[in-house]
Amino acid sequence: MKIALGSDHAGLPLKKEIIKHLESKGIEIKDFGTLTEDSCDYPDYALAVAEEVAAKNFDFGILVCGTGIGISIAANKVPGVRAALCGDTFSAHACREHNDANILALGQRVVGAGLALDIVEAFLGAKYEGGRHGKRVDKISQIEKKYNK
């Protein structure tokens, strides 16, 4: 499994915790930044990760900003990306199982490190169920195609 990670300055501490956790499990990761606590713009890192995930260079992405909101909105502008902002483990596995989410977004100021790692585990451990959910995910793709000409 290959995971692309990105954060702005507000999400950097939590991203570092997630990287340590994933590396301890032997998961291949690439950090697309930011690497410092200097103020920066979350859309830059959302775009870098989202493009790599959409191109299927990575299995999944994980993005972190202060709330997770802005970075998930930016990532979802990239065709083929289904970024889900999760603050609990149920949403984390459900977004994979039902929505085929390929990027997890987290908020540094919203969830603590312990819960965040549980959310990451739930997200990465879940599998897309397809079936009745496939029709809905296909409809999301059709909306994307309609507006991304």
C-alpha atoms as a PDB file:
ATOM      1  CA  MET A   1       0.000   0.000   0.000  1.00  0.00           C
ATOM      2  CA  LYS A   2       1.246   3.469  -0.941  1.00  0.00           C
ATOM      3  CA  ILE A   3      -0.079   6.559   0.813  1.00  0.00           C
ATOM      4  CA  ALA A   4       0.388  10.201  -0.237  1.00  0.00           C
ATOM      5  CA  LEU A   5       0.254  12.714   2.615  1.00  0.00           C
ATOM      6  CA  GLY A   6      -0.044  16.464   2.748  1.00  0.00           C
ATOM      7  CA  SER A   7      -0.851  19.214   5.203  1.00  0.00           C
ATOM      8  CA  ASP A   8      -0.647  22.903   5.736  1.00  0.00           C
ATOM      9  CA  HIS A   9       1.168  24.419   8.728  1.00  0.00           C
ATOM     10  CA  ALA A  10      -1.862  23.903  11.007  1.00  0.00           C
ATOM     11  CA  GLY A  11      -1.981  20.189  10.233  1.00  0.00           C
ATOM     12  CA  LEU A  12       1.753  19.497  10.353  1.00  0.00           C
ATOM     13  CA  PRO A  13       1.984  18.091  13.917  1.00  0.00           C
ATOM     14  CA  LEU A  14      -0.811  15.574  13.314  1.00  0.00           C
ATOM     15  CA  LYS A  15       0.590  14.632   9.909  1.00  0.00           C
ATOM     16  CA  LYS A  16       3.929  13.836  11.584  1.00  0.00           C
ATOM     17  CA  GLU A  17       2.142  11.511  14.033  1.00  0.00           C
ATOM     18  CA  ILE A  18       0.344   9.767  11.179  1.00  0.00           C
ATOM     19  CA  ILE A  19       3.598   9.344   9.245  1.00  0.00           C
ATOM     20  CA  LYS A  20       5.293   7.736  12.261  1.00  0.00           C
ATOM     21  CA  HIS A  21       2.336   5.410  12.681  1.00  0.00           C
ATOM     22  CA  LEU A  22       2.230   4.363   9.026  1.00  0.00           C
ATOM     23  CA  GLU A  23       5.998   3.872   8.810  1.00  0.00           C
ATOM     24  CA  SER A  24       5.914   1.691  11.948  1.00  0.00           C
ATOM     25  CA  LYS A  25       3.488  -0.567  10.066  1.00  0.00           C
ATOM     26  CA  GLY A  26       5.776  -0.757   7.031  1.00  0.00           C
ATOM     27  CA  ILE A  27       3.433   1.259   4.818  1.00  0.00           C
ATOM     28  CA  GLU A  28       5.098   3.156   1.986  1.00  0.00           C
ATOM     29  CA  ILE A  29       4.430   6.883   2.230  1.00  0.00           C
ATOM     30  CA  LYS A  30       5.373  10.096   0.493  1.00  0.00           C
ATOM     31  CA  ASP A  31       5.011  13.454   2.191  1.00  0.00           C
ATOM     32  CA  PHE A  32       4.071  16.196  -0.264  1.00  0.00           C
ATOM     33  CA  GLY A  33       4.516  18.908   2.376  1.00  0.00           C
ATOM     34  CA  THR A  34       4.425  21.248   4.075  1.00  0.00           C
ATOM     35  CA  LEU A  35       7.556  20.475   6.011  1.00  0.00           C
ATOM     36  CA  THR A  36       7.679  23.589   8.206  1.00  0.00           C
ATOM     37  CA  GLU A  37       5.360  25.488  10.518  1.00  0.00           C
ATOM     38  CA  ASP A  38       5.630  28.598   8.348  1.00  0.00           C
ATOM     39  CA  SER A  39       2.227  29.831   7.226  1.00  0.00           C
ATOM     40  CA  CYS A  40       1.222  28.315   3.885  1.00  0.00           C
ATOM     41  CA  ASP A  41      -1.833  27.629   1.751  1.00  0.00           C
ATOM     42  CA  TYR A  42      -3.623  24.280   2.114  1.00  0.00           C
ATOM     43  CA  PRO A  43      -4.875  24.175  -1.521  1.00  0.00           C
ATOM     44  CA  ASP A  44      -1.272  23.705  -2.706  1.00  0.00           C
ATOM     45  CA  TYR A  45      -0.856  20.491  -0.716  1.00  0.00           C
ATOM     46  CA  ALA A  46      -4.384  19.266  -1.396  1.00  0.00           C
ATOM     47  CA  LEU A  47      -3.714  19.610  -5.125  1.00  0.00           C
ATOM     48  CA  ALA A  48      -0.373  17.791  -4.986  1.00  0.00           C
ATOM     49  CA  VAL A  49      -1.832  14.798  -3.131  1.00  0.00           C
ATOM     50  CA  ALA A  50      -5.113  14.746  -5.055  1.00  0.00           C
ATOM     51  CA  GLU A  51      -3.386  14.727  -8.442  1.00  0.00           C
ATOM     52  CA  GLU A  52      -1.176  11.815  -7.408  1.00  0.00           C
ATOM     53  CA  VAL A  53      -4.113   9.801  -6.051  1.00  0.00           C
ATOM     54  CA  ALA A  54      -6.267  10.568  -9.104  1.00  0.00           C
ATOM     55  CA  ALA A  55      -3.403   9.416 -11.348  1.00  0.00           C
ATOM     56  CA  LYS A  56      -3.317   6.185  -9.302  1.00  0.00           C
ATOM     57  CA  ASN A  57       0.330   6.711  -8.334  1.00  0.00           C
ATOM     58  CA  PHE A  58      -0.801   6.137  -4.741  1.00  0.00           C
ATOM     59  CA  ASP A  59      -3.515   3.909  -3.328  1.00  0.00           C
ATOM     60  CA  PHE A  60      -4.826   6.575  -0.962  1.00  0.00           C
ATOM     61  CA  GLY A  61      -4.148  10.054   0.317  1.00  0.00           C
ATOM     62  CA  ILE A  62      -4.327  11.588   3.771  1.00  0.00           C
ATOM     63  CA  LEU A  63      -4.649  15.356   4.154  1.00  0.00           C
ATOM     64  CA  VAL A  64      -4.574  17.437   7.333  1.00  0.00           C
ATOM     65  CA  CYS A  65      -5.298  21.097   7.986  1.00  0.00           C
ATOM     66  CA  GLY A  66      -6.710  22.918  11.002  1.00  0.00           C
ATOM     67  CA  THR A  67     -10.265  21.647  10.545  1.00  0.00           C
ATOM     68  CA  GLY A  68      -9.907  19.345   7.542  1.00  0.00           C
ATOM     69  CA  ILE A  69     -12.619  21.324   5.782  1.00  0.00           C
ATOM     70  CA  GLY A  70     -10.638  23.539   3.427  1.00  0.00           C
ATOM     71  CA  ILE A  71      -8.153  20.865   2.424  1.00  0.00           C
ATOM     72  CA  SER A  72     -10.954  18.385   1.632  1.00  0.00           C
ATOM     73  CA  ILE A  73     -12.861  20.944  -0.432  1.00  0.00           C
ATOM     74  CA  ALA A  74      -9.715  21.721  -2.444  1.00  0.00           C
ATOM     75  CA  ALA A  75      -8.890  18.027  -3.003  1.00  0.00           C
ATOM     76  CA  ASN A  76     -12.413  17.314  -4.224  1.00  0.00           C
ATOM     77  CA  LYS A  77     -11.939  19.741  -7.111  1.00  0.00           C
ATOM     78  CA  VAL A  78      -9.620  17.212  -8.789  1.00  0.00           C
ATOM     79  CA  PRO A  79     -11.536  14.807 -11.046  1.00  0.00           C
ATOM     80  CA  GLY A  80     -11.415  11.256  -9.745  1.00  0.00           C
ATOM     81  CA  VAL A  81     -10.930  12.278  -6.126  1.00  0.00           C
ATOM     82  CA  ARG A  82     -13.422  11.464  -3.421  1.00  0.00           C
ATOM     83  CA  ALA A  83     -11.979  13.080  -0.288  1.00  0.00           C
ATOM     84  CA  ALA A  84     -13.892  12.521   2.938  1.00  0.00           C
ATOM     85  CA  LEU A  85     -13.506  14.598   6.070  1.00  0.00           C
ATOM     86  CA  CYS A  86     -13.845  12.238   9.028  1.00  0.00           C
ATOM     87  CA  GLY A  87     -13.937  12.894  12.743  1.00  0.00           C
ATOM     88  CA  ASP A  88     -14.951   9.403  13.859  1.00  0.00           C
ATOM     89  CA  THR A  89     -14.149   5.799  12.967  1.00  0.00           C
ATOM     90  CA  PHE A  90     -17.644   4.959  11.703  1.00  0.00           C
ATOM     91  CA  SER A  91     -17.467   7.665   9.037  1.00  0.00           C
ATOM     92  CA  ALA A  92     -13.929   6.578   8.172  1.00  0.00           C
ATOM     93  CA  HIS A  93     -14.872   3.015   7.301  1.00  0.00           C
ATOM     94  CA  ALA A  94     -18.261   3.950   5.850  1.00  0.00           C
ATOM     95  CA  CYS A  95     -16.757   6.444   3.383  1.00  0.00           C
ATOM     96  CA  ARG A  96     -14.530   3.681   2.025  1.00  0.00           C
ATOM     97  CA  GLU A  97     -17.217   0.984   2.032  1.00  0.00           C
ATOM     98  CA  HIS A  98     -20.049   3.066   0.571  1.00  0.00           C
ATOM     99  CA  ASN A  99     -18.434   6.003  -1.263  1.00  0.00           C
ATOM    100  CA  ASP A 100     -15.134   4.503  -2.424  1.00  0.00           C
ATOM    101  CA  ALA A 101     -13.340   7.489  -0.859  1.00  0.00           C
ATOM    102  CA  ASN A 102      -9.687   7.617  -1.841  1.00  0.00           C
ATOM    103  CA  ILE A 103      -8.513  10.504   0.350  1.00  0.00           C
ATOM    104  CA  LEU A 104      -9.035  10.914   4.083  1.00  0.00           C
ATOM    105  CA  ALA A 105      -9.090  14.464   5.470  1.00  0.00           C
ATOM    106  CA  LEU A 106      -8.550  15.237   9.135  1.00  0.00           C
ATOM    107  CA  GLY A 107      -8.596  18.352  11.286  1.00  0.00           C
ATOM    108  CA  GLN A 108      -5.638  18.862  13.624  1.00  0.00           C
ATOM    109  CA  ARG A 109      -7.695  21.211  15.803  1.00  0.00           C
ATOM    110  CA  VAL A 110     -10.690  18.862  15.837  1.00  0.00           C
ATOM    111  CA  VAL A 111      -9.371  15.377  16.627  1.00  0.00           C
ATOM    112  CA  GLY A 112      -6.543  14.335  18.920  1.00  0.00           C
ATOM    113  CA  ALA A 113      -3.701  12.142  17.758  1.00  0.00           C
ATOM    114  CA  GLY A 114      -5.098   8.966  19.335  1.00  0.00           C
ATOM    115  CA  LEU A 115      -8.476   9.274  17.652  1.00  0.00           C
ATOM    116  CA  ALA A 116      -6.851  10.376  14.400  1.00  0.00           C
ATOM    117  CA  LEU A 117      -4.768   7.192  14.270  1.00  0.00           C
ATOM    118  CA  ASP A 118      -7.888   5.106  14.928  1.00  0.00           C
ATOM    119  CA  ILE A 119      -9.625   6.948  12.074  1.00  0.00           C
ATOM    120  CA  VAL A 120      -6.665   6.280   9.761  1.00  0.00           C
ATOM    121  CA  GLU A 121      -6.790   2.572  10.663  1.00  0.00           C
ATOM    122  CA  ALA A 122     -10.547   2.401  10.036  1.00  0.00           C
ATOM    123  CA  PHE A 123     -10.169   4.163   6.678  1.00  0.00           C
ATOM    124  CA  LEU A 124      -7.255   2.059   5.436  1.00  0.00           C
ATOM    125  CA  GLY A 125      -8.737  -1.188   6.763  1.00  0.00           C
ATOM    126  CA  ALA A 126     -12.079  -0.821   5.005  1.00  0.00           C
ATOM    127  CA  LYS A 127     -12.850  -1.991   1.492  1.00  0.00           C
ATOM    128  CA  TYR A 128     -15.271  -0.585  -1.054  1.00  0.00           C
ATOM    129  CA  GLU A 129     -18.377  -2.785  -1.136  1.00  0.00           C
ATOM    130  CA  GLY A 130     -19.599  -1.857  -4.608  1.00  0.00           C
ATOM    131  CA  GLY A 131     -22.999  -3.394  -5.291  1.00  0.00           C
ATOM    132  CA  ARG A 132     -25.832  -0.994  -4.500  1.00  0.00           C
ATOM    133  CA  HIS A 133     -23.242   1.692  -3.714  1.00  0.00           C
ATOM    134  CA  GLY A 134     -21.717   1.454  -7.184  1.00  0.00           C
ATOM    135  CA  LYS A 135     -24.704   3.126  -8.808  1.00  0.00           C
ATOM    136  CA  ARG A 136     -24.327   6.109  -6.488  1.00  0.00           C
ATOM    137  CA  VAL A 137     -20.585   6.426  -6.945  1.00  0.00           C
ATOM    138  CA  ASP A 138     -21.178   6.282 -10.710  1.00  0.00           C
ATOM    139  CA  LYS A 139     -23.637   9.158 -10.365  1.00  0.00           C
ATOM    140  CA  ILE A 140     -20.969  11.182  -8.551  1.00  0.00           C
ATOM    141  CA  SER A 141     -18.636  10.506 -11.472  1.00  0.00           C
ATOM    142  CA  GLN A 142     -21.305  11.659 -13.924  1.00  0.00           C
ATOM    143  CA  ILE A 143     -21.716  14.951 -12.047  1.00  0.00           C
ATOM    144  CA  GLU A 144     -17.948  15.367 -12.162  1.00  0.00           C
ATOM    145  CA  LYS A 145     -17.885  14.764 -15.925  1.00  0.00           C
ATOM    146  CA  LYS A 146     -20.735  17.193 -16.500  1.00  0.00           C
ATOM    147  CA  TYR A 147     -18.889  20.092 -14.876  1.00  0.00           C
ATOM    148  CA  ASN A 148     -15.270  19.251 -15.748  1.00  0.00           C
ATOM    149  CA  LYS A 149     -15.267  19.680 -19.513  1.00  0.00           C
END
